[in-house]
Amino acid sequence: PAPVVTSELWRVVREQVFSRTLDELRRRGISYKGVLYAGIMVTAKGPKVLEFNCRFGDPETQPILFRLQSDLLEAIEAVIAGRLDRITLKWDPRPSICVVMASQGYPDTYPTGKEITGLKDAESADVAVFHAGTKRVGDKIVTAGGRVLGVTARGSTLAEAQRRAYQACERIHFEGAYYRRDIGFRALGNPPRS
């Protein structure tokens, strides 16, 4: 969880969101098998659920998956077979962060078909670039959506992961590319870069 999640806040979220959700699924006779991600906004009146998501494509999921050292397919098969309790997932303990590179105009109207360069230069053992709104045209990768890439990095500290992610973003180019420059700064207690 983000550093803003204290043990008390985690208890409240666990009891008021996750336990209630699981209880309601059981009450309805639903045997849900899959991923269920709760997007939560921390407010002065407590945690509020913005959305539930059941897919891996979101920028919130990418830093988690990048830390997974176990075989994802084995975990998925264990969920399907009802034997998840018989496997142990291994995680890279280091923090990770994801910066979304978007097309100019997103979330409204945005151009597509813009060539993306620098992808290979951006990736390393501790940086992965997840494709969201891209497609291959011949031997080129071009934009095909609003949220184009999820540039994800890990490091020995959150600050190091953040630095690596932003360095990787600086190596990737496409016309109209933009990204937020404040990802992780609240957790680090620093103002965003200009």
N, C-alpha and C. Protein backbone atom coordinates (compact mmCIF):
# COMPACT_ATOMS: atom_id res chain seq x y z
N PRO A 1 0.82 -1.22 0.00
CA PRO A 1 0.00 0.00 0.00
C PRO A 1 0.85 1.26 0.00
N ALA A 2 0.28 2.33 -0.47
CA ALA A 2 0.95 3.62 -0.43
C ALA A 2 1.25 3.99 1.02
N PRO A 3 2.30 4.77 1.26
CA PRO A 3 2.67 5.13 2.64
C PRO A 3 1.56 5.84 3.42
N VAL A 4 0.59 6.41 2.73
CA VAL A 4 -0.52 7.09 3.42
C VAL A 4 -1.40 6.08 4.16
N VAL A 5 -1.29 4.79 3.80
CA VAL A 5 -2.11 3.76 4.42
C VAL A 5 -1.46 3.30 5.73
N THR A 6 -1.96 3.85 6.83
CA THR A 6 -1.49 3.47 8.16
C THR A 6 -2.12 2.13 8.54
N SER A 7 -1.65 1.52 9.61
CA SER A 7 -2.24 0.25 10.04
C SER A 7 -3.71 0.44 10.42
N GLU A 8 -4.06 1.58 11.00
CA GLU A 8 -5.46 1.85 11.35
C GLU A 8 -6.31 2.02 10.09
N LEU A 9 -5.81 2.76 9.10
CA LEU A 9 -6.54 2.94 7.86
C LEU A 9 -6.71 1.61 7.14
N TRP A 10 -5.67 0.79 7.14
CA TRP A 10 -5.75 -0.53 6.51
C TRP A 10 -6.82 -1.39 7.19
N ARG A 11 -6.91 -1.30 8.53
CA ARG A 11 -7.95 -2.04 9.26
C ARG A 11 -9.33 -1.59 8.80
N VAL A 12 -9.54 -0.27 8.70
CA VAL A 12 -10.84 0.27 8.28
C VAL A 12 -11.17 -0.19 6.86
N VAL A 13 -10.21 -0.09 5.95
CA VAL A 13 -10.44 -0.51 4.56
C VAL A 13 -10.76 -2.01 4.50
N ARG A 14 -9.99 -2.77 5.23
CA ARG A 14 -10.19 -4.23 5.24
C ARG A 14 -11.61 -4.57 5.72
N GLU A 15 -12.03 -3.93 6.83
CA GLU A 15 -13.34 -4.23 7.41
C GLU A 15 -14.49 -3.63 6.61
N GLN A 16 -14.36 -2.35 6.20
CA GLN A 16 -15.48 -1.66 5.58
C GLN A 16 -15.59 -1.89 4.07
N VAL A 17 -14.49 -2.24 3.43
CA VAL A 17 -14.54 -2.44 1.98
C VAL A 17 -14.40 -3.92 1.62
N PHE A 18 -13.27 -4.51 1.93
CA PHE A 18 -13.01 -5.86 1.45
C PHE A 18 -13.90 -6.90 2.13
N SER A 19 -14.00 -6.86 3.45
CA SER A 19 -14.84 -7.85 4.14
C SER A 19 -16.30 -7.72 3.73
N ARG A 20 -16.79 -6.49 3.62
CA ARG A 20 -18.19 -6.29 3.20
C ARG A 20 -18.42 -6.77 1.77
N THR A 21 -17.44 -6.52 0.92
CA THR A 21 -17.57 -6.96 -0.47
C THR A 21 -17.61 -8.48 -0.55
N LEU A 22 -16.69 -9.14 0.14
CA LEU A 22 -16.67 -10.60 0.14
C LEU A 22 -17.93 -11.18 0.76
N ASP A 23 -18.40 -10.56 1.85
CA ASP A 23 -19.64 -11.02 2.49
C ASP A 23 -20.82 -10.93 1.53
N GLU A 24 -20.90 -9.83 0.78
CA GLU A 24 -22.01 -9.64 -0.17
C GLU A 24 -21.92 -10.64 -1.32
N LEU A 25 -20.71 -10.90 -1.80
CA LEU A 25 -20.56 -11.92 -2.85
C LEU A 25 -21.05 -13.27 -2.35
N ARG A 26 -20.65 -13.63 -1.13
CA ARG A 26 -21.10 -14.90 -0.53
C ARG A 26 -22.62 -14.92 -0.38
N ARG A 27 -23.19 -13.81 0.12
CA ARG A 27 -24.64 -13.72 0.33
C ARG A 27 -25.39 -13.96 -0.97
N ARG A 28 -24.83 -13.46 -2.07
CA ARG A 28 -25.47 -13.63 -3.38
C ARG A 28 -25.14 -14.97 -4.04
N GLY A 29 -24.31 -15.77 -3.38
CA GLY A 29 -23.94 -17.07 -3.94
C GLY A 29 -22.94 -16.98 -5.07
N ILE A 30 -22.18 -15.90 -5.11
CA ILE A 30 -21.20 -15.69 -6.16
C ILE A 30 -19.84 -16.21 -5.70
N SER A 31 -19.30 -17.15 -6.45
CA SER A 31 -17.96 -17.67 -6.17
C SER A 31 -17.01 -16.97 -7.15
N TYR A 32 -16.55 -15.79 -6.76
CA TYR A 32 -15.71 -14.98 -7.64
C TYR A 32 -14.29 -15.54 -7.66
N LYS A 33 -13.76 -15.75 -8.86
CA LYS A 33 -12.39 -16.23 -9.03
C LYS A 33 -11.70 -15.27 -9.97
N GLY A 34 -10.74 -14.54 -9.46
CA GLY A 34 -10.02 -13.58 -10.29
C GLY A 34 -9.42 -12.49 -9.44
N VAL A 35 -9.10 -11.42 -10.09
CA VAL A 35 -8.51 -10.25 -9.44
C VAL A 35 -9.62 -9.26 -9.17
N LEU A 36 -9.62 -8.68 -7.98
CA LEU A 36 -10.58 -7.62 -7.68
C LEU A 36 -9.79 -6.51 -6.99
N TYR A 37 -9.63 -5.42 -7.71
CA TYR A 37 -8.86 -4.28 -7.23
C TYR A 37 -9.82 -3.18 -6.81
N ALA A 38 -9.64 -2.67 -5.61
CA ALA A 38 -10.46 -1.55 -5.13
C ALA A 38 -9.67 -0.26 -5.26
N GLY A 39 -10.18 0.65 -6.06
CA GLY A 39 -9.60 1.99 -6.15
C GLY A 39 -10.20 2.82 -5.04
N ILE A 40 -9.37 3.25 -4.11
CA ILE A 40 -9.86 3.93 -2.91
C ILE A 40 -9.29 5.33 -2.81
N MET A 41 -10.15 6.28 -2.48
CA MET A 41 -9.74 7.66 -2.24
C MET A 41 -9.80 7.87 -0.72
N VAL A 42 -8.70 8.34 -0.16
CA VAL A 42 -8.67 8.61 1.28
C VAL A 42 -9.16 10.04 1.47
N THR A 43 -10.27 10.20 2.21
CA THR A 43 -10.87 11.51 2.44
C THR A 43 -10.88 11.83 3.93
N ALA A 44 -11.25 13.06 4.26
CA ALA A 44 -11.37 13.46 5.66
C ALA A 44 -12.46 12.66 6.38
N LYS A 45 -13.43 12.13 5.62
CA LYS A 45 -14.51 11.33 6.19
C LYS A 45 -14.23 9.84 6.09
N GLY A 46 -12.99 9.49 5.81
CA GLY A 46 -12.62 8.08 5.71
C GLY A 46 -12.44 7.63 4.28
N PRO A 47 -12.09 6.37 4.09
CA PRO A 47 -11.85 5.85 2.74
C PRO A 47 -13.15 5.71 1.95
N LYS A 48 -13.11 6.08 0.68
CA LYS A 48 -14.26 5.96 -0.22
C LYS A 48 -13.84 5.16 -1.44
N VAL A 49 -14.68 4.22 -1.83
CA VAL A 49 -14.40 3.39 -3.01
C VAL A 49 -14.77 4.17 -4.26
N LEU A 50 -13.80 4.36 -5.15
CA LEU A 50 -14.04 5.01 -6.43
C LEU A 50 -14.51 4.00 -7.47
N GLU A 51 -13.90 2.80 -7.41
CA GLU A 51 -14.21 1.78 -8.40
C GLU A 51 -13.70 0.43 -7.92
N PHE A 52 -14.24 -0.60 -8.51
CA PHE A 52 -13.67 -1.93 -8.42
C PHE A 52 -13.25 -2.30 -9.83
N ASN A 53 -12.10 -2.92 -9.95
CA ASN A 53 -11.61 -3.32 -11.25
C ASN A 53 -11.21 -4.78 -11.19
N CYS A 54 -11.40 -5.48 -12.29
CA CYS A 54 -11.12 -6.92 -12.30
C CYS A 54 -10.18 -7.29 -13.46
N ARG A 55 -9.23 -6.41 -13.73
CA ARG A 55 -8.29 -6.69 -14.81
C ARG A 55 -6.90 -6.21 -14.44
N PHE A 56 -5.92 -6.65 -15.19
CA PHE A 56 -4.53 -6.30 -14.91
C PHE A 56 -4.07 -5.05 -15.66
N GLY A 57 -4.88 -4.44 -16.47
CA GLY A 57 -4.42 -3.38 -17.35
C GLY A 57 -4.21 -2.03 -16.72
N ASP A 58 -4.54 -1.84 -15.49
CA ASP A 58 -4.47 -0.51 -14.90
C ASP A 58 -3.07 -0.17 -14.39
N PRO A 59 -2.75 1.12 -14.40
CA PRO A 59 -1.43 1.55 -13.89
C PRO A 59 -1.22 1.19 -12.42
N GLU A 60 -2.31 1.00 -11.67
CA GLU A 60 -2.15 0.59 -10.27
C GLU A 60 -1.68 -0.86 -10.16
N THR A 61 -2.03 -1.67 -11.13
CA THR A 61 -1.69 -3.09 -11.11
C THR A 61 -0.26 -3.34 -11.58
N GLN A 62 0.21 -2.54 -12.49
CA GLN A 62 1.52 -2.80 -13.11
C GLN A 62 2.68 -2.80 -12.12
N PRO A 63 2.76 -1.89 -11.16
CA PRO A 63 3.86 -1.99 -10.19
C PRO A 63 3.78 -3.23 -9.31
N ILE A 64 2.55 -3.70 -9.05
CA ILE A 64 2.40 -4.92 -8.25
C ILE A 64 2.89 -6.13 -9.04
N LEU A 65 2.43 -6.25 -10.28
CA LEU A 65 2.85 -7.38 -11.11
C LEU A 65 4.35 -7.37 -11.37
N PHE A 66 4.94 -6.19 -11.48
CA PHE A 66 6.38 -6.09 -11.74
C PHE A 66 7.18 -6.61 -10.55
N ARG A 67 6.59 -6.62 -9.37
CA ARG A 67 7.27 -7.13 -8.16
C ARG A 67 7.08 -8.63 -7.97
N LEU A 68 6.11 -9.22 -8.70
CA LEU A 68 5.84 -10.65 -8.55
C LEU A 68 6.99 -11.48 -9.12
N GLN A 69 7.56 -12.35 -8.29
CA GLN A 69 8.66 -13.21 -8.72
C GLN A 69 8.19 -14.64 -9.00
N SER A 70 6.99 -14.97 -8.57
CA SER A 70 6.42 -16.28 -8.82
C SER A 70 5.86 -16.33 -10.24
N ASP A 71 5.49 -17.52 -10.65
CA ASP A 71 4.89 -17.73 -11.96
C ASP A 71 3.43 -17.29 -11.90
N LEU A 72 3.07 -16.25 -12.63
CA LEU A 72 1.70 -15.74 -12.63
C LEU A 72 0.72 -16.80 -13.13
N LEU A 73 1.09 -17.55 -14.16
CA LEU A 73 0.21 -18.58 -14.69
C LEU A 73 -0.12 -19.63 -13.63
N GLU A 74 0.88 -20.01 -12.83
CA GLU A 74 0.64 -20.98 -11.76
C GLU A 74 -0.39 -20.43 -10.76
N ALA A 75 -0.29 -19.15 -10.44
CA ALA A 75 -1.24 -18.53 -9.51
C ALA A 75 -2.64 -18.48 -10.12
N ILE A 76 -2.74 -18.15 -11.39
CA ILE A 76 -4.04 -18.10 -12.06
C ILE A 76 -4.68 -19.48 -12.08
N GLU A 77 -3.88 -20.49 -12.42
CA GLU A 77 -4.40 -21.86 -12.44
C GLU A 77 -4.83 -22.31 -11.05
N ALA A 78 -4.10 -21.90 -10.02
CA ALA A 78 -4.48 -22.25 -8.65
C ALA A 78 -5.79 -21.60 -8.26
N VAL A 79 -6.03 -20.37 -8.69
CA VAL A 79 -7.30 -19.70 -8.41
C VAL A 79 -8.44 -20.47 -9.08
N ILE A 80 -8.25 -20.81 -10.35
CA ILE A 80 -9.29 -21.53 -11.10
C ILE A 80 -9.62 -22.86 -10.43
N ALA A 81 -8.58 -23.56 -9.99
CA ALA A 81 -8.76 -24.89 -9.39
C ALA A 81 -9.17 -24.83 -7.92
N GLY A 82 -9.20 -23.64 -7.33
CA GLY A 82 -9.57 -23.52 -5.92
C GLY A 82 -8.49 -23.99 -4.97
N ARG A 83 -7.23 -23.86 -5.36
CA ARG A 83 -6.12 -24.31 -4.51
C ARG A 83 -5.06 -23.21 -4.30
N LEU A 84 -5.51 -21.97 -4.29
CA LEU A 84 -4.58 -20.86 -4.09
C LEU A 84 -3.89 -20.96 -2.74
N ASP A 85 -4.58 -21.55 -1.75
CA ASP A 85 -4.00 -21.69 -0.42
C ASP A 85 -2.84 -22.68 -0.39
N ARG A 86 -2.59 -23.39 -1.48
CA ARG A 86 -1.52 -24.37 -1.52
C ARG A 86 -0.26 -23.89 -2.22
N ILE A 87 -0.28 -22.64 -2.68
CA ILE A 87 0.94 -22.10 -3.29
C ILE A 87 1.38 -20.87 -2.51
N THR A 88 2.65 -20.56 -2.61
CA THR A 88 3.20 -19.37 -1.96
C THR A 88 3.72 -18.44 -3.04
N LEU A 89 3.24 -17.22 -3.01
CA LEU A 89 3.71 -16.23 -3.97
C LEU A 89 4.97 -15.57 -3.43
N LYS A 90 5.94 -15.36 -4.29
CA LYS A 90 7.18 -14.69 -3.91
C LYS A 90 7.18 -13.30 -4.53
N TRP A 91 7.61 -12.32 -3.70
CA TRP A 91 7.57 -10.93 -4.12
C TRP A 91 8.94 -10.28 -3.98
N ASP A 92 9.28 -9.41 -4.90
CA ASP A 92 10.43 -8.54 -4.75
C ASP A 92 10.01 -7.51 -3.70
N PRO A 93 10.74 -7.38 -2.60
CA PRO A 93 10.30 -6.49 -1.52
C PRO A 93 10.46 -5.00 -1.84
N ARG A 94 11.16 -4.70 -2.91
CA ARG A 94 11.43 -3.29 -3.21
C ARG A 94 10.19 -2.56 -3.70
N PRO A 95 10.08 -1.28 -3.39
CA PRO A 95 8.93 -0.50 -3.87
C PRO A 95 9.00 -0.30 -5.38
N SER A 96 7.83 -0.07 -5.96
CA SER A 96 7.74 0.19 -7.40
C SER A 96 6.73 1.29 -7.64
N ILE A 97 6.80 1.85 -8.83
CA ILE A 97 5.98 3.01 -9.17
C ILE A 97 5.70 2.97 -10.67
N CYS A 98 4.57 3.52 -11.09
CA CYS A 98 4.21 3.55 -12.51
C CYS A 98 3.84 4.97 -12.92
N VAL A 99 4.42 5.42 -14.01
CA VAL A 99 4.10 6.72 -14.60
C VAL A 99 3.45 6.46 -15.96
N VAL A 100 2.25 6.97 -16.16
CA VAL A 100 1.54 6.78 -17.42
C VAL A 100 1.97 7.85 -18.41
N MET A 101 2.38 7.41 -19.59
CA MET A 101 2.64 8.33 -20.69
C MET A 101 1.39 8.33 -21.56
N ALA A 102 0.82 9.51 -21.77
CA ALA A 102 -0.45 9.64 -22.48
C ALA A 102 -0.29 10.46 -23.76
N SER A 103 -1.31 10.37 -24.61
CA SER A 103 -1.36 11.15 -25.84
C SER A 103 -1.93 12.53 -25.56
N GLN A 104 -1.42 13.50 -26.27
CA GLN A 104 -1.93 14.87 -26.16
C GLN A 104 -3.43 14.85 -26.44
N GLY A 105 -4.21 15.48 -25.54
CA GLY A 105 -5.66 15.52 -25.69
C GLY A 105 -6.40 14.52 -24.82
N TYR A 106 -5.68 13.48 -24.34
CA TYR A 106 -6.32 12.49 -23.48
C TYR A 106 -6.76 13.17 -22.19
N PRO A 107 -7.94 12.94 -21.66
CA PRO A 107 -8.88 11.86 -21.95
C PRO A 107 -9.92 12.19 -23.02
N ASP A 108 -9.84 13.35 -23.62
CA ASP A 108 -10.79 13.70 -24.67
C ASP A 108 -10.28 13.17 -26.01
N THR A 109 -10.34 13.97 -27.04
CA THR A 109 -9.89 13.55 -28.37
C THR A 109 -8.38 13.62 -28.46
N TYR A 110 -7.78 12.61 -29.05
CA TYR A 110 -6.33 12.56 -29.17
C TYR A 110 -5.96 11.90 -30.50
N PRO A 111 -4.81 12.28 -31.03
CA PRO A 111 -4.37 11.66 -32.29
C PRO A 111 -3.79 10.27 -32.04
N THR A 112 -3.79 9.44 -33.05
CA THR A 112 -3.18 8.12 -32.98
C THR A 112 -2.22 7.97 -34.15
N GLY A 113 -1.48 6.87 -34.14
CA GLY A 113 -0.55 6.61 -35.25
C GLY A 113 0.78 7.33 -35.13
N LYS A 114 1.08 7.90 -33.97
CA LYS A 114 2.35 8.59 -33.77
C LYS A 114 3.43 7.58 -33.40
N GLU A 115 4.54 7.59 -34.12
CA GLU A 115 5.61 6.63 -33.87
C GLU A 115 6.23 6.84 -32.49
N ILE A 116 6.47 5.74 -31.80
CA ILE A 116 7.09 5.77 -30.47
C ILE A 116 8.53 5.28 -30.61
N THR A 117 9.45 6.07 -30.11
CA THR A 117 10.87 5.69 -30.13
C THR A 117 11.42 5.66 -28.72
N GLY A 118 12.55 4.98 -28.54
CA GLY A 118 13.23 4.95 -27.26
C GLY A 118 12.78 3.87 -26.31
N LEU A 119 11.90 2.98 -26.76
CA LEU A 119 11.38 1.95 -25.86
C LEU A 119 12.48 1.03 -25.33
N LYS A 120 13.35 0.57 -26.20
CA LYS A 120 14.43 -0.33 -25.77
C LYS A 120 15.41 0.39 -24.86
N ASP A 121 15.66 1.68 -25.11
CA ASP A 121 16.57 2.46 -24.26
C ASP A 121 15.99 2.68 -22.87
N ALA A 122 14.68 2.65 -22.75
CA ALA A 122 14.03 2.92 -21.47
C ALA A 122 14.02 1.71 -20.55
N GLU A 123 13.98 0.50 -21.12
CA GLU A 123 13.84 -0.69 -20.30
C GLU A 123 15.18 -1.17 -19.75
N SER A 124 15.11 -1.77 -18.56
CA SER A 124 16.28 -2.35 -17.90
C SER A 124 15.78 -3.44 -16.96
N ALA A 125 16.66 -4.00 -16.17
CA ALA A 125 16.25 -5.02 -15.21
C ALA A 125 15.24 -4.46 -14.21
N ASP A 126 15.30 -3.16 -13.93
CA ASP A 126 14.40 -2.55 -12.95
C ASP A 126 13.39 -1.60 -13.56
N VAL A 127 13.25 -1.61 -14.88
CA VAL A 127 12.26 -0.77 -15.56
C VAL A 127 11.56 -1.61 -16.62
N ALA A 128 10.24 -1.63 -16.57
CA ALA A 128 9.43 -2.30 -17.59
C ALA A 128 8.47 -1.28 -18.18
N VAL A 129 8.24 -1.38 -19.47
CA VAL A 129 7.29 -0.50 -20.14
C VAL A 129 6.10 -1.35 -20.58
N PHE A 130 4.96 -1.12 -19.93
CA PHE A 130 3.74 -1.84 -20.26
C PHE A 130 3.00 -1.07 -21.36
N HIS A 131 2.62 -1.76 -22.40
CA HIS A 131 1.90 -1.14 -23.52
C HIS A 131 0.41 -1.16 -23.23
N ALA A 132 -0.23 -0.02 -23.41
CA ALA A 132 -1.67 0.09 -23.18
C ALA A 132 -2.37 0.52 -24.46
N GLY A 133 -1.97 1.65 -25.01
CA GLY A 133 -2.58 2.18 -26.23
C GLY A 133 -1.55 2.23 -27.34
N THR A 134 -1.05 1.06 -27.75
CA THR A 134 -0.06 0.99 -28.82
C THR A 134 -0.46 -0.09 -29.82
N LYS A 135 0.15 -0.04 -30.98
CA LYS A 135 0.02 -1.14 -31.94
C LYS A 135 1.27 -1.15 -32.82
N ARG A 136 1.50 -2.31 -33.41
CA ARG A 136 2.64 -2.48 -34.31
C ARG A 136 2.17 -2.21 -35.73
N VAL A 137 2.91 -1.38 -36.42
CA VAL A 137 2.67 -1.11 -37.84
C VAL A 137 3.99 -1.37 -38.54
N GLY A 138 4.07 -2.49 -39.23
CA GLY A 138 5.35 -2.89 -39.83
C GLY A 138 6.35 -3.16 -38.73
N ASP A 139 7.48 -2.47 -38.78
CA ASP A 139 8.49 -2.65 -37.74
C ASP A 139 8.48 -1.52 -36.72
N LYS A 140 7.41 -0.74 -36.70
CA LYS A 140 7.30 0.40 -35.79
C LYS A 140 6.19 0.16 -34.77
N ILE A 141 6.35 0.78 -33.61
CA ILE A 141 5.29 0.82 -32.59
C ILE A 141 4.72 2.23 -32.63
N VAL A 142 3.38 2.33 -32.72
CA VAL A 142 2.74 3.64 -32.80
C VAL A 142 1.66 3.75 -31.73
N THR A 143 1.25 4.98 -31.46
CA THR A 143 0.18 5.21 -30.50
C THR A 143 -1.15 4.74 -31.09
N ALA A 144 -1.99 4.20 -30.22
CA ALA A 144 -3.30 3.72 -30.65
C ALA A 144 -4.35 3.97 -29.58
N GLY A 145 -4.03 4.82 -28.62
CA GLY A 145 -4.96 5.09 -27.53
C GLY A 145 -4.53 6.30 -26.74
N GLY A 146 -5.31 6.63 -25.72
CA GLY A 146 -5.01 7.79 -24.89
C GLY A 146 -3.95 7.51 -23.85
N ARG A 147 -4.16 6.48 -23.04
CA ARG A 147 -3.10 6.04 -22.12
C ARG A 147 -2.22 5.10 -22.92
N VAL A 148 -1.05 5.56 -23.29
CA VAL A 148 -0.21 4.84 -24.24
C VAL A 148 0.68 3.81 -23.56
N LEU A 149 1.42 4.23 -22.54
CA LEU A 149 2.40 3.37 -21.89
C LEU A 149 2.32 3.51 -20.38
N GLY A 150 2.65 2.44 -19.67
CA GLY A 150 2.81 2.48 -18.21
C GLY A 150 4.28 2.21 -17.92
N VAL A 151 5.03 3.26 -17.66
CA VAL A 151 6.48 3.13 -17.41
C VAL A 151 6.64 2.81 -15.93
N THR A 152 7.09 1.59 -15.65
CA THR A 152 7.10 1.07 -14.30
C THR A 152 8.52 0.74 -13.87
N ALA A 153 8.88 1.19 -12.67
CA ALA A 153 10.24 0.96 -12.17
C ALA A 153 10.20 0.56 -10.72
N ARG A 154 11.24 -0.15 -10.31
CA ARG A 154 11.41 -0.49 -8.90
C ARG A 154 12.80 -0.06 -8.47
N GLY A 155 12.97 0.10 -7.16
CA GLY A 155 14.26 0.52 -6.63
C GLY A 155 14.36 0.15 -5.16
N SER A 156 15.53 0.35 -4.60
CA SER A 156 15.71 0.01 -3.19
C SER A 156 14.89 0.92 -2.28
N THR A 157 14.55 2.10 -2.78
CA THR A 157 13.65 3.02 -2.07
C THR A 157 12.62 3.52 -3.06
N LEU A 158 11.54 4.11 -2.55
CA LEU A 158 10.53 4.68 -3.45
C LEU A 158 11.14 5.81 -4.27
N ALA A 159 12.01 6.60 -3.66
CA ALA A 159 12.67 7.70 -4.39
C ALA A 159 13.49 7.16 -5.56
N GLU A 160 14.18 6.05 -5.35
CA GLU A 160 14.97 5.47 -6.43
C GLU A 160 14.06 4.93 -7.54
N ALA A 161 12.97 4.28 -7.17
CA ALA A 161 12.02 3.78 -8.16
C ALA A 161 11.44 4.94 -8.97
N GLN A 162 11.11 6.01 -8.27
CA GLN A 162 10.57 7.20 -8.93
C GLN A 162 11.58 7.79 -9.91
N ARG A 163 12.82 7.91 -9.47
CA ARG A 163 13.87 8.47 -10.34
C ARG A 163 14.03 7.61 -11.59
N ARG A 164 14.06 6.30 -11.42
CA ARG A 164 14.22 5.40 -12.57
C ARG A 164 13.04 5.52 -13.54
N ALA A 165 11.83 5.62 -13.00
CA ALA A 165 10.66 5.73 -13.87
C ALA A 165 10.71 7.02 -14.69
N TYR A 166 11.04 8.12 -14.05
CA TYR A 166 11.09 9.39 -14.78
C TYR A 166 12.25 9.44 -15.77
N GLN A 167 13.38 8.83 -15.43
CA GLN A 167 14.49 8.75 -16.39
C GLN A 167 14.07 7.94 -17.61
N ALA A 168 13.34 6.86 -17.38
CA ALA A 168 12.86 6.04 -18.50
C ALA A 168 11.88 6.84 -19.37
N CYS A 169 10.98 7.59 -18.74
CA CYS A 169 10.04 8.42 -19.51
C CYS A 169 10.77 9.41 -20.40
N GLU A 170 11.86 9.95 -19.91
CA GLU A 170 12.63 10.93 -20.69
C GLU A 170 13.28 10.31 -21.92
N ARG A 171 13.44 8.98 -21.94
CA ARG A 171 14.05 8.29 -23.08
C ARG A 171 13.04 7.91 -24.16
N ILE A 172 11.76 7.97 -23.81
CA ILE A 172 10.69 7.57 -24.74
C ILE A 172 10.11 8.82 -25.38
N HIS A 173 9.90 8.73 -26.70
CA HIS A 173 9.40 9.91 -27.42
C HIS A 173 8.28 9.53 -28.39
N PHE A 174 7.26 10.34 -28.41
CA PHE A 174 6.26 10.32 -29.48
C PHE A 174 5.60 11.70 -29.48
N GLU A 175 5.15 12.11 -30.62
CA GLU A 175 4.56 13.44 -30.77
C GLU A 175 3.36 13.59 -29.85
N GLY A 176 3.36 14.64 -29.04
CA GLY A 176 2.26 14.91 -28.13
C GLY A 176 2.32 14.16 -26.81
N ALA A 177 3.42 13.45 -26.56
CA ALA A 177 3.54 12.69 -25.32
C ALA A 177 3.53 13.60 -24.11
N TYR A 178 2.81 13.20 -23.08
CA TYR A 178 2.89 13.91 -21.81
C TYR A 178 2.65 12.94 -20.67
N TYR A 179 3.09 13.33 -19.49
CA TYR A 179 2.90 12.51 -18.30
C TYR A 179 2.95 13.40 -17.08
N ARG A 180 2.26 12.95 -16.04
CA ARG A 180 2.27 13.69 -14.78
C ARG A 180 3.68 13.65 -14.20
N ARG A 181 4.05 14.72 -13.55
CA ARG A 181 5.39 14.80 -12.96
C ARG A 181 5.35 14.80 -11.43
N ASP A 182 4.19 14.38 -10.88
CA ASP A 182 4.03 14.38 -9.43
C ASP A 182 3.78 12.98 -8.86
N ILE A 183 3.98 11.95 -9.65
CA ILE A 183 3.70 10.59 -9.18
C ILE A 183 4.68 10.23 -8.06
N GLY A 184 4.13 9.85 -6.92
CA GLY A 184 4.93 9.45 -5.77
C GLY A 184 5.41 10.58 -4.88
N PHE A 185 5.21 11.80 -5.28
CA PHE A 185 5.78 12.90 -4.48
C PHE A 185 5.07 13.09 -3.15
N ARG A 186 3.77 12.82 -3.08
CA ARG A 186 3.08 12.95 -1.80
C ARG A 186 3.63 11.92 -0.82
N ALA A 187 3.87 10.71 -1.30
CA ALA A 187 4.42 9.66 -0.43
C ALA A 187 5.82 10.01 0.04
N LEU A 188 6.56 10.72 -0.79
CA LEU A 188 7.93 11.10 -0.45
C LEU A 188 8.00 12.43 0.30
N GLY A 189 6.89 13.17 0.34
CA GLY A 189 6.88 14.44 1.03
C GLY A 189 7.64 15.52 0.29
N ASN A 190 7.79 15.37 -1.02
CA ASN A 190 8.52 16.35 -1.84
C ASN A 190 7.55 17.04 -2.80
N PRO A 191 7.85 18.29 -3.17
CA PRO A 191 7.04 18.92 -4.21
C PRO A 191 7.37 18.32 -5.57
N PRO A 192 6.42 18.32 -6.51
CA PRO A 192 6.70 17.78 -7.83
C PRO A 192 7.73 18.59 -8.59
N ARG A 193 8.41 17.89 -9.52
CA ARG A 193 9.37 18.58 -10.38
C ARG A 193 8.62 19.41 -11.39
N SER A 194 9.26 20.47 -11.84
CA SER A 194 8.59 21.31 -12.86
C SER A 194 8.77 20.72 -14.22
